Amino acid sequence: FAPSDSRFSNMKPSVSLLPPSSLQISGDSAALLCLLSSYSPQGALVSWTLDGSEVTEGVVTSAESEQDGRYSRSSVLTLSKARWEEGELYVCRETTSSTFNCFITEPVKEK
């Protein structure tokens, strides 16, 4: 398929959010990964929020990559292990044409 193929115009992204691995949490940090894939046109923006406020510290967002007229990008939010274990709700948001949200929180541990 050519990038100009009309079947690829205005494709909404597939959004996936991955929590930190157990191996990573055994260290001092925790990274949340937000993946946007298979969208068109390019220009998708990613933001992270906590309690409705934008989070910018610890965020690294990749450049967009293109394959067969569809685009993808990823964004990583790195937190301290202690911050992750507080169980707060983090939101990864794609905000270009319409908004897609993914939520992630550490499950509350039973006492």
C-alpha atoms as a PDB file:
ATOM      1  CA  PHE A   1       0.000   0.000   0.000  1.00  0.00           C
ATOM      2  CA  ALA A   2       1.266   3.432  -0.850  1.00  0.00           C
ATOM      3  CA  PRO A   3       1.269   6.158   1.835  1.00  0.00           C
ATOM      4  CA  SER A   4      -1.202   8.141  -0.274  1.00  0.00           C
ATOM      5  CA  ASP A   5      -3.679   5.243  -0.286  1.00  0.00           C
ATOM      6  CA  SER A   6      -7.040   6.660   0.873  1.00  0.00           C
ATOM      7  CA  ARG A   7      -7.608   3.615   3.093  1.00  0.00           C
ATOM      8  CA  PHE A   8      -4.983   5.053   5.459  1.00  0.00           C
ATOM      9  CA  SER A   9      -6.391   8.554   5.834  1.00  0.00           C
ATOM     10  CA  ASN A  10      -7.595   9.499   9.317  1.00  0.00           C
ATOM     11  CA  MET A  11      -6.969   6.146  10.997  1.00  0.00           C
ATOM     12  CA  LYS A  12      -7.346   6.328  14.774  1.00  0.00           C
ATOM     13  CA  PRO A  13      -4.407   4.959  16.748  1.00  0.00           C
ATOM     14  CA  SER A  14      -4.399   1.692  18.577  1.00  0.00           C
ATOM     15  CA  VAL A  15      -3.331   2.630  22.124  1.00  0.00           C
ATOM     16  CA  SER A  16      -1.688   0.167  24.511  1.00  0.00           C
ATOM     17  CA  LEU A  17      -0.410   0.829  28.007  1.00  0.00           C
ATOM     18  CA  LEU A  18       2.049  -1.512  29.683  1.00  0.00           C
ATOM     19  CA  PRO A  19       2.792  -1.474  33.422  1.00  0.00           C
ATOM     20  CA  PRO A  20       6.289  -1.909  34.853  1.00  0.00           C
ATOM     21  CA  SER A  21       7.660  -5.446  34.908  1.00  0.00           C
ATOM     22  CA  SER A  22       8.099  -7.204  38.244  1.00  0.00           C
ATOM     23  CA  LEU A  23      11.851  -7.325  37.596  1.00  0.00           C
ATOM     24  CA  GLN A  24      11.919  -3.573  37.098  1.00  0.00           C
ATOM     25  CA  ILE A  25       9.864  -2.908  40.231  1.00  0.00           C
ATOM     26  CA  SER A  26      12.370  -4.941  42.249  1.00  0.00           C
ATOM     27  CA  GLY A  27      14.822  -2.128  41.440  1.00  0.00           C
ATOM     28  CA  ASP A  28      14.433   1.544  42.305  1.00  0.00           C
ATOM     29  CA  SER A  29      12.252   2.704  39.407  1.00  0.00           C
ATOM     30  CA  ALA A  30       9.134   1.836  37.469  1.00  0.00           C
ATOM     31  CA  ALA A  31       8.514   2.702  33.809  1.00  0.00           C
ATOM     32  CA  LEU A  32       5.042   2.922  32.266  1.00  0.00           C
ATOM     33  CA  LEU A  33       4.985   2.448  28.491  1.00  0.00           C
ATOM     34  CA  CYS A  34       2.311   3.938  26.227  1.00  0.00           C
ATOM     35  CA  LEU A  35       2.271   2.704  22.609  1.00  0.00           C
ATOM     36  CA  LEU A  36       0.365   4.382  19.777  1.00  0.00           C
ATOM     37  CA  SER A  37       0.295   2.398  16.550  1.00  0.00           C
ATOM     38  CA  SER A  38      -1.305   2.109  13.113  1.00  0.00           C
ATOM     39  CA  TYR A  39      -2.555   5.684  12.803  1.00  0.00           C
ATOM     40  CA  SER A  40      -2.668   8.217  10.017  1.00  0.00           C
ATOM     41  CA  PRO A  41      -1.985  11.012   9.342  1.00  0.00           C
ATOM     42  CA  GLN A  42       1.161  11.630  11.339  1.00  0.00           C
ATOM     43  CA  GLY A  43       1.306  14.159  14.156  1.00  0.00           C
ATOM     44  CA  ALA A  44      -0.133  12.270  17.137  1.00  0.00           C
ATOM     45  CA  LEU A  45       0.725  13.907  20.455  1.00  0.00           C
ATOM     46  CA  VAL A  46       1.069  11.991  23.722  1.00  0.00           C
ATOM     47  CA  SER A  47       0.628  13.390  27.208  1.00  0.00           C
ATOM     48  CA  TRP A  48       0.582  11.900  30.702  1.00  0.00           C
ATOM     49  CA  THR A  49      -1.606  13.120  33.538  1.00  0.00           C
ATOM     50  CA  LEU A  50      -1.930  12.396  37.241  1.00  0.00           C
ATOM     51  CA  ASP A  51      -5.084  13.597  39.016  1.00  0.00           C
ATOM     52  CA  GLY A  52      -5.912  15.797  36.019  1.00  0.00           C
ATOM     53  CA  SER A  53      -2.532  17.579  35.992  1.00  0.00           C
ATOM     54  CA  GLU A  54      -0.038  17.069  33.191  1.00  0.00           C
ATOM     55  CA  VAL A  55       3.115  15.154  34.105  1.00  0.00           C
ATOM     56  CA  THR A  56       6.279  16.149  32.224  1.00  0.00           C
ATOM     57  CA  GLU A  57       9.085  15.040  34.542  1.00  0.00           C
ATOM     58  CA  GLY A  58      10.407  11.587  33.659  1.00  0.00           C
ATOM     59  CA  VAL A  59       8.622  11.482  30.276  1.00  0.00           C
ATOM     60  CA  VAL A  60      10.448  10.489  27.088  1.00  0.00           C
ATOM     61  CA  THR A  61       8.428  10.317  23.856  1.00  0.00           C
ATOM     62  CA  SER A  62       9.900   8.831  20.690  1.00  0.00           C
ATOM     63  CA  ALA A  63       9.849  10.348  17.236  1.00  0.00           C
ATOM     64  CA  GLU A  64       7.145   8.959  14.979  1.00  0.00           C
ATOM     65  CA  SER A  65       8.069   6.035  12.755  1.00  0.00           C
ATOM     66  CA  GLU A  66       6.269   5.221   9.517  1.00  0.00           C
ATOM     67  CA  GLN A  67       5.598   1.931   7.773  1.00  0.00           C
ATOM     68  CA  ASP A  68       3.257   1.479   4.816  1.00  0.00           C
ATOM     69  CA  GLY A  69       1.579   4.844   5.393  1.00  0.00           C
ATOM     70  CA  ARG A  70       0.775   4.168   9.044  1.00  0.00           C
ATOM     71  CA  TYR A  71       2.574   5.768  11.972  1.00  0.00           C
ATOM     72  CA  SER A  72       3.542   4.754  15.470  1.00  0.00           C
ATOM     73  CA  ARG A  73       5.271   6.252  18.494  1.00  0.00           C
ATOM     74  CA  SER A  74       5.876   5.416  22.125  1.00  0.00           C
ATOM     75  CA  SER A  75       6.091   7.355  25.352  1.00  0.00           C
ATOM     76  CA  VAL A  76       7.700   6.214  28.608  1.00  0.00           C
ATOM     77  CA  LEU A  77       6.960   7.673  32.034  1.00  0.00           C
ATOM     78  CA  THR A  78       9.610   6.716  34.603  1.00  0.00           C
ATOM     79  CA  LEU A  79       8.684   6.950  38.278  1.00  0.00           C
ATOM     80  CA  SER A  80      10.387   6.018  41.504  1.00  0.00           C
ATOM     81  CA  LYS A  81       9.377   2.624  42.871  1.00  0.00           C
ATOM     82  CA  ALA A  82       7.898   4.359  45.933  1.00  0.00           C
ATOM     83  CA  ARG A  83       5.776   6.667  43.768  1.00  0.00           C
ATOM     84  CA  TRP A  84       4.442   3.735  41.730  1.00  0.00           C
ATOM     85  CA  GLU A  85       3.531   1.803  44.864  1.00  0.00           C
ATOM     86  CA  GLU A  86       1.365   4.704  46.093  1.00  0.00           C
ATOM     87  CA  GLY A  87      -1.295   3.372  43.699  1.00  0.00           C
ATOM     88  CA  GLU A  88      -2.053   6.651  41.930  1.00  0.00           C
ATOM     89  CA  LEU A  89      -3.942   6.730  38.629  1.00  0.00           C
ATOM     90  CA  TYR A  90      -1.786   7.677  35.632  1.00  0.00           C
ATOM     91  CA  VAL A  91      -3.362   8.494  32.278  1.00  0.00           C
ATOM     92  CA  CYS A  92      -1.678   8.254  28.888  1.00  0.00           C
ATOM     93  CA  ARG A  93      -3.569  10.422  26.422  1.00  0.00           C
ATOM     94  CA  GLU A  94      -3.403  10.829  22.643  1.00  0.00           C
ATOM     95  CA  THR A  95      -4.736  14.294  21.945  1.00  0.00           C
ATOM     96  CA  THR A  96      -4.353  15.036  18.249  1.00  0.00           C
ATOM     97  CA  SER A  97      -7.665  14.634  16.448  1.00  0.00           C
ATOM     98  CA  SER A  98      -9.736  13.101  19.182  1.00  0.00           C
ATOM     99  CA  THR A  99      -8.812  11.943  22.641  1.00  0.00           C
ATOM    100  CA  PHE A 100      -7.983   8.361  23.572  1.00  0.00           C
ATOM    101  CA  ASN A 101      -7.200   7.597  27.203  1.00  0.00           C
ATOM    102  CA  CYS A 102      -5.479   4.650  28.824  1.00  0.00           C
ATOM    103  CA  PHE A 103      -5.402   4.349  32.586  1.00  0.00           C
ATOM    104  CA  ILE A 104      -2.965   2.507  34.789  1.00  0.00           C
ATOM    105  CA  THR A 105      -2.691   2.146  38.520  1.00  0.00           C
ATOM    106  CA  GLU A 106      -0.913  -0.171  40.925  1.00  0.00           C
ATOM    107  CA  PRO A 107      -3.493  -2.581  42.353  1.00  0.00           C
ATOM    108  CA  VAL A 108      -4.259  -2.057  46.033  1.00  0.00           C
ATOM    109  CA  LYS A 109      -2.606  -4.802  48.025  1.00  0.00           C
ATOM    110  CA  GLU A 110      -4.723  -6.649  50.575  1.00  0.00           C
ATOM    111  CA  LYS A 111      -3.534  -6.317  54.171  1.00  0.00           C
END
